[in-house]
Amino acid sequence: MDDGEAPPEKSNERELRLLVAQLKRLVANKTPEADFFKGALQRVEA
């Protein structure tokens, strides 16, 4: 799909697949941070 001659709907499909993969990586990286802060907040509350 990189040649620029792809139909718009196929090009959008490829871009969306790449975006989904990127977002999955970001969520996977942020999950440990969220877990850490959740645990820290629970300890402070306790």
All heavy atoms as atom14 arrays in JSON, in Angstrom:
{
  "sequence": "MDDGEAPPEKSNERELRLLVAQLKRLVANKTPEADFFKGALQRVEA",
  "atom14_mask": [
    [1, 1, 1, 1, 1, 1, 1, 1, 0, 0, 0, 0, 0, 0],
    [1, 1, 1, 1, 1, 1, 1, 1, 0, 0, 0, 0, 0, 0],
    [1, 1, 1, 1, 1, 1, 1, 1, 0, 0, 0, 0, 0, 0],
    [1, 1, 1, 1, 0, 0, 0, 0, 0, 0, 0, 0, 0, 0],
    [1, 1, 1, 1, 1, 1, 1, 1, 1, 0, 0, 0, 0, 0],
    [1, 1, 1, 1, 1, 0, 0, 0, 0, 0, 0, 0, 0, 0],
    [1, 1, 1, 1, 1, 1, 1, 0, 0, 0, 0, 0, 0, 0],
    [1, 1, 1, 1, 1, 1, 1, 0, 0, 0, 0, 0, 0, 0],
    [1, 1, 1, 1, 1, 1, 1, 1, 1, 0, 0, 0, 0, 0],
    [1, 1, 1, 1, 1, 1, 1, 1, 1, 0, 0, 0, 0, 0],
    [1, 1, 1, 1, 1, 1, 0, 0, 0, 0, 0, 0, 0, 0],
    [1, 1, 1, 1, 1, 1, 1, 1, 0, 0, 0, 0, 0, 0],
    [1, 1, 1, 1, 1, 1, 1, 1, 1, 0, 0, 0, 0, 0],
    [1, 1, 1, 1, 1, 1, 1, 1, 1, 1, 1, 0, 0, 0],
    [1, 1, 1, 1, 1, 1, 1, 1, 1, 0, 0, 0, 0, 0],
    [1, 1, 1, 1, 1, 1, 1, 1, 0, 0, 0, 0, 0, 0],
    [1, 1, 1, 1, 1, 1, 1, 1, 1, 1, 1, 0, 0, 0],
    [1, 1, 1, 1, 1, 1, 1, 1, 0, 0, 0, 0, 0, 0],
    [1, 1, 1, 1, 1, 1, 1, 1, 0, 0, 0, 0, 0, 0],
    [1, 1, 1, 1, 1, 1, 1, 0, 0, 0, 0, 0, 0, 0],
    [1, 1, 1, 1, 1, 0, 0, 0, 0, 0, 0, 0, 0, 0],
    [1, 1, 1, 1, 1, 1, 1, 1, 1, 0, 0, 0, 0, 0],
    [1, 1, 1, 1, 1, 1, 1, 1, 0, 0, 0, 0, 0, 0],
    [1, 1, 1, 1, 1, 1, 1, 1, 1, 0, 0, 0, 0, 0],
    [1, 1, 1, 1, 1, 1, 1, 1, 1, 1, 1, 0, 0, 0],
    [1, 1, 1, 1, 1, 1, 1, 1, 0, 0, 0, 0, 0, 0],
    [1, 1, 1, 1, 1, 1, 1, 0, 0, 0, 0, 0, 0, 0],
    [1, 1, 1, 1, 1, 0, 0, 0, 0, 0, 0, 0, 0, 0],
    [1, 1, 1, 1, 1, 1, 1, 1, 0, 0, 0, 0, 0, 0],
    [1, 1, 1, 1, 1, 1, 1, 1, 1, 0, 0, 0, 0, 0],
    [1, 1, 1, 1, 1, 1, 1, 0, 0, 0, 0, 0, 0, 0],
    [1, 1, 1, 1, 1, 1, 1, 0, 0, 0, 0, 0, 0, 0],
    [1, 1, 1, 1, 1, 1, 1, 1, 1, 0, 0, 0, 0, 0],
    [1, 1, 1, 1, 1, 0, 0, 0, 0, 0, 0, 0, 0, 0],
    [1, 1, 1, 1, 1, 1, 1, 1, 0, 0, 0, 0, 0, 0],
    [1, 1, 1, 1, 1, 1, 1, 1, 1, 1, 1, 0, 0, 0],
    [1, 1, 1, 1, 1, 1, 1, 1, 1, 1, 1, 0, 0, 0],
    [1, 1, 1, 1, 1, 1, 1, 1, 1, 0, 0, 0, 0, 0],
    [1, 1, 1, 1, 0, 0, 0, 0, 0, 0, 0, 0, 0, 0],
    [1, 1, 1, 1, 1, 0, 0, 0, 0, 0, 0, 0, 0, 0],
    [1, 1, 1, 1, 1, 1, 1, 1, 0, 0, 0, 0, 0, 0],
    [1, 1, 1, 1, 1, 1, 1, 1, 1, 0, 0, 0, 0, 0],
    [1, 1, 1, 1, 1, 1, 1, 1, 1, 1, 1, 0, 0, 0],
    [1, 1, 1, 1, 1, 1, 1, 0, 0, 0, 0, 0, 0, 0],
    [1, 1, 1, 1, 1, 1, 1, 1, 1, 0, 0, 0, 0, 0],
    [1, 1, 1, 1, 1, 0, 0, 0, 0, 0, 0, 0, 0, 0]
  ],
  "atom14_positions": [
    [[0.82, -1.21, 0.0], [0.0, 0.0, 0.0], [0.85, 1.26, 0.0], [0.33, 2.35, 0.05], [-0.91, 0.02, 1.24], [-1.87, -1.12, 1.29], [-3.03, -0.98, -0.06], [-3.88, -2.51, 0.07], [0.0, 0.0, 0.0], [0.0, 0.0, 0.0], [0.0, 0.0, 0.0], [0.0, 0.0, 0.0], [0.0, 0.0, 0.0], [0.0, 0.0, 0.0]],
    [[2.16, 1.12, -0.04], [3.04, 2.28, 0.08], [3.28, 3.0, -1.24], [3.91, 4.04, -1.26], [4.38, 1.85, 0.66], [4.21, 1.2, 2.02], [3.31, 1.64, 2.75], [4.96, 0.27, 2.32], [0.0, 0.0, 0.0], [0.0, 0.0, 0.0], [0.0, 0.0, 0.0], [0.0, 0.0, 0.0], [0.0, 0.0, 0.0], [0.0, 0.0, 0.0]],
    [[2.81, 2.46, -2.38], [3.14, 3.05, -3.66], [2.26, 4.25, -4.02], [2.48, 4.88, -5.03], [3.05, 1.99, -4.77], [1.68, 1.35, -4.85], [0.78, 1.72, -4.08], [1.5, 0.47, -5.7], [0.0, 0.0, 0.0], [0.0, 0.0, 0.0], [0.0, 0.0, 0.0], [0.0, 0.0, 0.0], [0.0, 0.0, 0.0], [0.0, 0.0, 0.0]],
    [[1.25, 4.54, -3.22], [0.42, 5.71, -3.48], [-0.65, 5.47, -4.52], [-1.5, 6.32, -4.75], [0.0, 0.0, 0.0], [0.0, 0.0, 0.0], [0.0, 0.0, 0.0], [0.0, 0.0, 0.0], [0.0, 0.0, 0.0], [0.0, 0.0, 0.0], [0.0, 0.0, 0.0], [0.0, 0.0, 0.0], [0.0, 0.0, 0.0], [0.0, 0.0, 0.0]],
    [[-0.66, 4.32, -5.18], [-1.65, 4.03, -6.21], [-2.75, 3.13, -5.7], [-3.6, 2.7, -6.46], [-0.96, 3.37, -7.41], [0.05, 4.27, -8.08], [0.74, 3.59, -9.24], [0.25, 2.55, -9.71], [1.77, 4.1, -9.68], [0.0, 0.0, 0.0], [0.0, 0.0, 0.0], [0.0, 0.0, 0.0], [0.0, 0.0, 0.0], [0.0, 0.0, 0.0]],
    [[-2.76, 2.84, -4.44], [-3.76, 1.95, -3.88], [-5.1, 2.7, -3.79], [-5.12, 3.91, -3.6], [-3.34, 1.49, -2.5], [0.0, 0.0, 0.0], [0.0, 0.0, 0.0], [0.0, 0.0, 0.0], [0.0, 0.0, 0.0], [0.0, 0.0, 0.0], [0.0, 0.0, 0.0], [0.0, 0.0, 0.0], [0.0, 0.0, 0.0], [0.0, 0.0, 0.0]],
    [[-6.19, 1.97, -3.91], [-7.49, 2.61, -3.73], [-7.6, 3.2, -2.33], [-7.04, 2.67, -1.38], [-8.49, 1.45, -3.9], [-7.74, 0.35, -4.54], [-6.3, 0.57, -4.23], [0.0, 0.0, 0.0], [0.0, 0.0, 0.0], [0.0, 0.0, 0.0], [0.0, 0.0, 0.0], [0.0, 0.0, 0.0], [0.0, 0.0, 0.0], [0.0, 0.0, 0.0]],
    [[-8.34, 4.29, -2.18], [-8.41, 4.96, -0.88], [-8.91, 4.05, 0.24], [-8.39, 4.1, 1.34], [-9.39, 6.11, -1.1], [-9.48, 6.29, -2.56], [-9.07, 5.0, -3.2], [0.0, 0.0, 0.0], [0.0, 0.0, 0.0], [0.0, 0.0, 0.0], [0.0, 0.0, 0.0], [0.0, 0.0, 0.0], [0.0, 0.0, 0.0], [0.0, 0.0, 0.0]],
    [[-9.91, 3.2, -0.03], [-10.43, 2.36, 1.04], [-9.39, 1.34, 1.49], [-9.29, 1.04, 2.66], [-11.73, 1.66, 0.64], [-11.62, 0.72, -0.55], [-11.76, 1.39, -1.9], [-11.97, 2.6, -1.96], [-11.63, 0.68, -2.91], [0.0, 0.0, 0.0], [0.0, 0.0, 0.0], [0.0, 0.0, 0.0], [0.0, 0.0, 0.0], [0.0, 0.0, 0.0]],
    [[-8.58, 0.8, 0.59], [-7.53, -0.15, 0.97], [-6.42, 0.58, 1.72], [-5.85, 0.06, 2.65], [-6.96, -0.87, -0.25], [-7.9, -1.84, -0.88], [-8.1, -3.02, 0.03], [-8.97, -4.06, -0.63], [-9.2, -5.21, 0.21], [0.0, 0.0, 0.0], [0.0, 0.0, 0.0], [0.0, 0.0, 0.0], [0.0, 0.0, 0.0], [0.0, 0.0, 0.0]],
    [[-6.1, 1.78, 1.27], [-5.07, 2.56, 1.93], [-5.5, 2.9, 3.36], [-4.71, 2.8, 4.29], [-4.8, 3.84, 1.13], [-3.69, 4.5, 1.63], [0.0, 0.0, 0.0], [0.0, 0.0, 0.0], [0.0, 0.0, 0.0], [0.0, 0.0, 0.0], [0.0, 0.0, 0.0], [0.0, 0.0, 0.0], [0.0, 0.0, 0.0], [0.0, 0.0, 0.0]],
    [[-6.76, 3.27, 3.52], [-7.27, 3.57, 4.85], [-7.25, 2.33, 5.73], [-6.96, 2.42, 6.92], [-8.69, 4.13, 4.78], [-8.71, 5.54, 4.22], [-7.71, 6.23, 4.25], [-9.85, 5.95, 3.69], [0.0, 0.0, 0.0], [0.0, 0.0, 0.0], [0.0, 0.0, 0.0], [0.0, 0.0, 0.0], [0.0, 0.0, 0.0], [0.0, 0.0, 0.0]],
    [[-7.57, 1.19, 5.14], [-7.56, -0.06, 5.9], [-6.16, -0.35, 6.43], [-5.98, -0.71, 7.59], [-8.04, -1.21, 5.0], [-8.07, -2.55, 5.68], [-8.47, -3.66, 4.74], [-9.29, -3.4, 3.83], [-7.96, -4.77, 4.91], [0.0, 0.0, 0.0], [0.0, 0.0, 0.0], [0.0, 0.0, 0.0], [0.0, 0.0, 0.0], [0.0, 0.0, 0.0]],
    [[-5.17, -0.18, 5.59], [-3.78, -0.42, 6.0], [-3.37, 0.56, 7.09], [-2.75, 0.17, 8.08], [-2.87, -0.29, 4.78], [-1.4, -0.39, 5.12], [-0.76, -1.52, 4.41], [0.68, -1.49, 4.57], [1.33, -2.41, 5.25], [0.7, -3.42, 5.77], [2.64, -2.34, 5.37], [0.0, 0.0, 0.0], [0.0, 0.0, 0.0], [0.0, 0.0, 0.0]],
    [[-3.72, 1.83, 6.91], [-3.38, 2.84, 7.92], [-4.06, 2.53, 9.25], [-3.44, 2.68, 10.31], [-3.8, 4.23, 7.44], [-2.96, 4.76, 6.31], [-3.48, 6.07, 5.76], [-4.35, 6.7, 6.4], [-3.04, 6.44, 4.67], [0.0, 0.0, 0.0], [0.0, 0.0, 0.0], [0.0, 0.0, 0.0], [0.0, 0.0, 0.0], [0.0, 0.0, 0.0]],
    [[-5.31, 2.06, 9.19], [-6.0, 1.73, 10.42], [-5.37, 0.52, 11.11], [-5.25, 0.5, 12.34], [-7.49, 1.45, 10.14], [-8.32, 2.67, 9.78], [-9.73, 2.25, 9.39], [-8.36, 3.66, 10.93], [0.0, 0.0, 0.0], [0.0, 0.0, 0.0], [0.0, 0.0, 0.0], [0.0, 0.0, 0.0], [0.0, 0.0, 0.0], [0.0, 0.0, 0.0]],
    [[-4.94, -0.47, 10.33], [-4.26, -1.62, 10.93], [-2.97, -1.2, 11.62], [-2.67, -1.65, 12.72], [-3.96, -2.69, 9.86], [-5.13, -3.62, 9.63], [-4.74, -4.81, 8.79], [-4.92, -4.48, 7.39], [-3.99, -4.59, 6.45], [-2.82, -5.07, 6.74], [-4.24, -4.25, 5.21], [0.0, 0.0, 0.0], [0.0, 0.0, 0.0], [0.0, 0.0, 0.0]],
    [[-2.22, -0.31, 10.98], [-0.98, 0.18, 11.58], [-1.26, 0.99, 12.84], [-0.55, 0.87, 13.84], [-0.2, 1.02, 10.57], [0.37, 0.26, 9.37], [0.97, 1.24, 8.36], [1.41, -0.74, 9.81], [0.0, 0.0, 0.0], [0.0, 0.0, 0.0], [0.0, 0.0, 0.0], [0.0, 0.0, 0.0], [0.0, 0.0, 0.0], [0.0, 0.0, 0.0]],
    [[-2.32, 1.8, 12.79], [-2.69, 2.61, 13.95], [-3.12, 1.73, 15.12], [-2.73, 1.98, 16.27], [-3.8, 3.59, 13.58], [-4.27, 4.54, 14.68], [-3.13, 5.41, 15.17], [-5.42, 5.39, 14.19], [0.0, 0.0, 0.0], [0.0, 0.0, 0.0], [0.0, 0.0, 0.0], [0.0, 0.0, 0.0], [0.0, 0.0, 0.0], [0.0, 0.0, 0.0]],
    [[-3.91, 0.7, 14.85], [-4.35, -0.22, 15.9], [-3.15, -0.9, 16.54], [-3.06, -1.02, 17.76], [-5.35, -1.26, 15.34], [-5.55, -2.41, 16.31], [-6.68, -0.6, 15.03], [0.0, 0.0, 0.0], [0.0, 0.0, 0.0], [0.0, 0.0, 0.0], [0.0, 0.0, 0.0], [0.0, 0.0, 0.0], [0.0, 0.0, 0.0], [0.0, 0.0, 0.0]],
    [[-2.19, -1.34, 15.72], [-0.99, -1.98, 16.26], [-0.21, -1.01, 17.14], [0.27, -1.38, 18.22], [-0.11, -2.49, 15.13], [0.0, 0.0, 0.0], [0.0, 0.0, 0.0], [0.0, 0.0, 0.0], [0.0, 0.0, 0.0], [0.0, 0.0, 0.0], [0.0, 0.0, 0.0], [0.0, 0.0, 0.0], [0.0, 0.0, 0.0], [0.0, 0.0, 0.0]],
    [[-0.1, 0.24, 16.7], [0.62, 1.24, 17.49], [-0.1, 1.51, 18.81], [0.53, 1.59, 19.87], [0.74, 2.53, 16.68], [1.46, 3.63, 17.42], [1.49, 4.94, 16.64], [0.79, 5.1, 15.65], [2.27, 5.88, 17.1], [0.0, 0.0, 0.0], [0.0, 0.0, 0.0], [0.0, 0.0, 0.0], [0.0, 0.0, 0.0], [0.0, 0.0, 0.0]],
    [[-1.42, 1.61, 18.77], [-2.18, 1.87, 19.99], [-2.1, 0.7, 20.96], [-2.03, 0.9, 22.18], [-3.64, 2.18, 19.65], [-3.86, 3.53, 18.94], [-5.31, 3.66, 18.5], [-3.46, 4.69, 19.82], [0.0, 0.0, 0.0], [0.0, 0.0, 0.0], [0.0, 0.0, 0.0], [0.0, 0.0, 0.0], [0.0, 0.0, 0.0], [0.0, 0.0, 0.0]],
    [[-2.09, -0.52, 20.43], [-1.95, -1.69, 21.3], [-0.61, -1.66, 22.03], [-0.53, -1.99, 23.21], [-2.08, -2.98, 20.49], [-3.51, -3.32, 20.14], [-3.57, -4.64, 19.38], [-4.99, -5.01, 19.04], [-5.07, -6.29, 18.32], [0.0, 0.0, 0.0], [0.0, 0.0, 0.0], [0.0, 0.0, 0.0], [0.0, 0.0, 0.0], [0.0, 0.0, 0.0]],
    [[0.45, -1.26, 21.31], [1.76, -1.16, 21.96], [1.75, -0.09, 23.05], [2.29, -0.29, 24.14], [2.84, -0.84, 20.92], [3.27, -2.04, 20.1], [4.52, -1.75, 19.3], [4.38, -0.63, 18.39], [3.91, -0.71, 17.14], [3.55, -1.86, 16.66], [3.82, 0.36, 16.39], [0.0, 0.0, 0.0], [0.0, 0.0, 0.0], [0.0, 0.0, 0.0]],
    [[1.12, 1.05, 22.77], [1.05, 2.12, 23.77], [0.29, 1.68, 25.01], [0.72, 1.95, 26.14], [0.41, 3.37, 23.17], [1.27, 4.14, 22.16], [0.44, 5.23, 21.5], [2.47, 4.74, 22.84], [0.0, 0.0, 0.0], [0.0, 0.0, 0.0], [0.0, 0.0, 0.0], [0.0, 0.0, 0.0], [0.0, 0.0, 0.0], [0.0, 0.0, 0.0]],
    [[-0.83, 1.01, 24.82], [-1.62, 0.53, 25.95], [-0.82, -0.49, 26.76], [-0.82, -0.46, 27.99], [-2.96, -0.06, 25.48], [-3.65, -0.83, 26.59], [-3.88, 1.04, 24.97], [0.0, 0.0, 0.0], [0.0, 0.0, 0.0], [0.0, 0.0, 0.0], [0.0, 0.0, 0.0], [0.0, 0.0, 0.0], [0.0, 0.0, 0.0], [0.0, 0.0, 0.0]],
    [[-0.12, -1.37, 26.06], [0.69, -2.38, 26.75], [1.79, -1.72, 27.58], [2.12, -2.2, 28.67], [1.3, -3.35, 25.74], [0.0, 0.0, 0.0], [0.0, 0.0, 0.0], [0.0, 0.0, 0.0], [0.0, 0.0, 0.0], [0.0, 0.0, 0.0], [0.0, 0.0, 0.0], [0.0, 0.0, 0.0], [0.0, 0.0, 0.0], [0.0, 0.0, 0.0]],
    [[2.33, -0.61, 27.1], [3.38, 0.1, 27.84], [2.8, 0.88, 29.02], [3.48, 1.08, 30.03], [4.14, 1.05, 26.92], [4.99, 0.32, 25.93], [5.36, -0.83, 26.14], [5.32, 0.98, 24.83], [0.0, 0.0, 0.0], [0.0, 0.0, 0.0], [0.0, 0.0, 0.0], [0.0, 0.0, 0.0], [0.0, 0.0, 0.0], [0.0, 0.0, 0.0]],
    [[1.58, 1.34, 28.92], [0.98, 2.16, 29.98], [0.34, 1.32, 31.08], [0.17, 1.79, 32.19], [-0.09, 3.11, 29.39], [0.47, 4.17, 28.48], [1.39, 5.09, 29.23], [1.99, 6.14, 28.33], [2.95, 6.97, 29.0], [0.0, 0.0, 0.0], [0.0, 0.0, 0.0], [0.0, 0.0, 0.0], [0.0, 0.0, 0.0], [0.0, 0.0, 0.0]],
    [[-0.01, 0.09, 30.8], [-0.69, -0.75, 31.79], [0.14, -0.94, 33.06], [-0.4, -0.78, 34.16], [-1.07, -2.1, 31.16], [-1.93, -1.86, 30.05], [-1.78, -2.99, 32.16], [0.0, 0.0, 0.0], [0.0, 0.0, 0.0], [0.0, 0.0, 0.0], [0.0, 0.0, 0.0], [0.0, 0.0, 0.0], [0.0, 0.0, 0.0], [0.0, 0.0, 0.0]],
    [[1.44, -1.24, 32.97], [2.21, -1.36, 34.23], [2.25, -0.06, 35.03], [2.2, -0.1, 36.27], [3.62, -1.74, 33.74], [3.42, -2.32, 32.39], [2.23, -1.63, 31.82], [0.0, 0.0, 0.0], [0.0, 0.0, 0.0], [0.0, 0.0, 0.0], [0.0, 0.0, 0.0], [0.0, 0.0, 0.0], [0.0, 0.0, 0.0], [0.0, 0.0, 0.0]],
    [[2.3, 1.07, 34.35], [2.28, 2.35, 35.05], [0.98, 2.53, 35.8], [0.97, 2.93, 36.97], [2.45, 3.51, 34.07], [3.82, 3.65, 33.48], [3.9, 4.81, 32.49], [3.15, 5.79, 32.65], [4.71, 4.72, 31.56], [0.0, 0.0, 0.0], [0.0, 0.0, 0.0], [0.0, 0.0, 0.0], [0.0, 0.0, 0.0], [0.0, 0.0, 0.0]],
    [[-0.13, 2.23, 35.15], [-1.44, 2.37, 35.79], [-1.55, 1.43, 36.98], [-2.08, 1.83, 38.04], [-2.55, 2.09, 34.77], [0.0, 0.0, 0.0], [0.0, 0.0, 0.0], [0.0, 0.0, 0.0], [0.0, 0.0, 0.0], [0.0, 0.0, 0.0], [0.0, 0.0, 0.0], [0.0, 0.0, 0.0], [0.0, 0.0, 0.0], [0.0, 0.0, 0.0]],
    [[-1.07, 0.21, 36.84], [-1.1, -0.74, 37.95], [-0.26, -0.24, 39.12], [-0.66, -0.36, 40.28], [-0.59, -2.11, 37.5], [-1.54, -2.79, 36.53], [-2.72, -2.38, 36.44], [-1.09, -3.75, 35.86], [0.0, 0.0, 0.0], [0.0, 0.0, 0.0], [0.0, 0.0, 0.0], [0.0, 0.0, 0.0], [0.0, 0.0, 0.0], [0.0, 0.0, 0.0]],
    [[0.91, 0.33, 38.82], [1.77, 0.87, 39.88], [1.06, 1.97, 40.64], [1.02, 1.98, 41.88], [3.07, 1.4, 39.28], [3.88, 2.19, 40.26], [4.66, 1.57, 41.22], [3.86, 3.59, 40.23], [5.4, 2.3, 42.13], [4.6, 4.33, 41.13], [5.37, 3.69, 42.08], [0.0, 0.0, 0.0], [0.0, 0.0, 0.0], [0.0, 0.0, 0.0]],
    [[0.47, 2.93, 39.92], [-0.17, 4.06, 40.58], [-1.43, 3.63, 41.32], [-1.76, 4.17, 42.39], [-0.47, 5.18, 39.59], [0.75, 5.93, 39.18], [1.17, 5.95, 37.86], [1.51, 6.62, 40.11], [2.32, 6.63, 37.49], [2.65, 7.32, 39.75], [3.06, 7.32, 38.43], [0.0, 0.0, 0.0], [0.0, 0.0, 0.0], [0.0, 0.0, 0.0]],
    [[-2.14, 2.64, 40.81], [-3.32, 2.13, 41.5], [-2.91, 1.52, 42.84], [-3.54, 1.78, 43.87], [-4.01, 1.09, 40.63], [-5.28, 0.53, 41.22], [-5.92, -0.47, 40.27], [-7.16, -1.08, 40.87], [-7.76, -2.07, 39.97], [0.0, 0.0, 0.0], [0.0, 0.0, 0.0], [0.0, 0.0, 0.0], [0.0, 0.0, 0.0], [0.0, 0.0, 0.0]],
    [[-1.84, 0.72, 42.82], [-1.35, 0.12, 44.07], [-0.86, 1.17, 45.05], [-1.12, 1.07, 46.26], [0.0, 0.0, 0.0], [0.0, 0.0, 0.0], [0.0, 0.0, 0.0], [0.0, 0.0, 0.0], [0.0, 0.0, 0.0], [0.0, 0.0, 0.0], [0.0, 0.0, 0.0], [0.0, 0.0, 0.0], [0.0, 0.0, 0.0], [0.0, 0.0, 0.0]],
    [[-0.16, 2.18, 44.55], [0.35, 3.24, 45.41], [-0.8, 4.01, 46.04], [-0.77, 4.32, 47.25], [1.25, 4.18, 44.61], [0.0, 0.0, 0.0], [0.0, 0.0, 0.0], [0.0, 0.0, 0.0], [0.0, 0.0, 0.0], [0.0, 0.0, 0.0], [0.0, 0.0, 0.0], [0.0, 0.0, 0.0], [0.0, 0.0, 0.0], [0.0, 0.0, 0.0]],
    [[-1.83, 4.28, 45.27], [-2.99, 4.99, 45.8], [-3.69, 4.16, 46.87], [-4.1, 4.7, 47.91], [-3.96, 5.33, 44.67], [-5.23, 6.08, 45.07], [-4.88, 7.43, 45.69], [-6.13, 6.27, 43.87], [0.0, 0.0, 0.0], [0.0, 0.0, 0.0], [0.0, 0.0, 0.0], [0.0, 0.0, 0.0], [0.0, 0.0, 0.0], [0.0, 0.0, 0.0]],
    [[-3.81, 2.87, 46.65], [-4.44, 2.01, 47.66], [-3.63, 1.98, 48.95], [-4.19, 2.01, 50.05], [-4.59, 0.58, 47.11], [-5.66, 0.47, 46.04], [-5.68, -0.9, 45.38], [-4.75, -1.69, 45.53], [-6.75, -1.18, 44.65], [0.0, 0.0, 0.0], [0.0, 0.0, 0.0], [0.0, 0.0, 0.0], [0.0, 0.0, 0.0], [0.0, 0.0, 0.0]],
    [[-2.28, 1.96, 48.85], [-1.44, 1.98, 50.05], [-1.58, 3.3, 50.8], [-1.64, 3.33, 52.03], [0.02, 1.71, 49.67], [0.28, 0.26, 49.3], [1.75, -0.03, 49.15], [2.39, 0.7, 48.07], [2.4, 0.32, 46.8], [1.81, -0.79, 46.43], [3.02, 1.05, 45.89], [0.0, 0.0, 0.0], [0.0, 0.0, 0.0], [0.0, 0.0, 0.0]],
    [[-1.63, 4.41, 50.07], [-1.78, 5.72, 50.7], [-3.14, 5.8, 51.4], [-3.23, 6.27, 52.55], [-1.62, 6.85, 49.66], [-2.08, 8.18, 50.21], [-0.18, 6.93, 49.2], [0.0, 0.0, 0.0], [0.0, 0.0, 0.0], [0.0, 0.0, 0.0], [0.0, 0.0, 0.0], [0.0, 0.0, 0.0], [0.0, 0.0, 0.0], [0.0, 0.0, 0.0]],
    [[-4.18, 5.33, 50.74], [-5.51, 5.35, 51.35], [-5.55, 4.49, 52.61], [-6.12, 4.88, 53.63], [-6.57, 4.86, 50.35], [-6.89, 5.85, 49.25], [-7.63, 7.07, 49.77], [-8.42, 6.94, 50.74], [-7.42, 8.15, 49.21], [0.0, 0.0, 0.0], [0.0, 0.0, 0.0], [0.0, 0.0, 0.0], [0.0, 0.0, 0.0], [0.0, 0.0, 0.0]],
    [[-4.92, 3.3, 52.56], [-4.91, 2.42, 53.72], [-4.14, 3.06, 54.87], [-4.57, 2.97, 56.03], [-4.28, 1.07, 53.35], [0.0, 0.0, 0.0], [0.0, 0.0, 0.0], [0.0, 0.0, 0.0], [0.0, 0.0, 0.0], [0.0, 0.0, 0.0], [0.0, 0.0, 0.0], [0.0, 0.0, 0.0], [0.0, 0.0, 0.0], [0.0, 0.0, 0.0]]
  ]
}
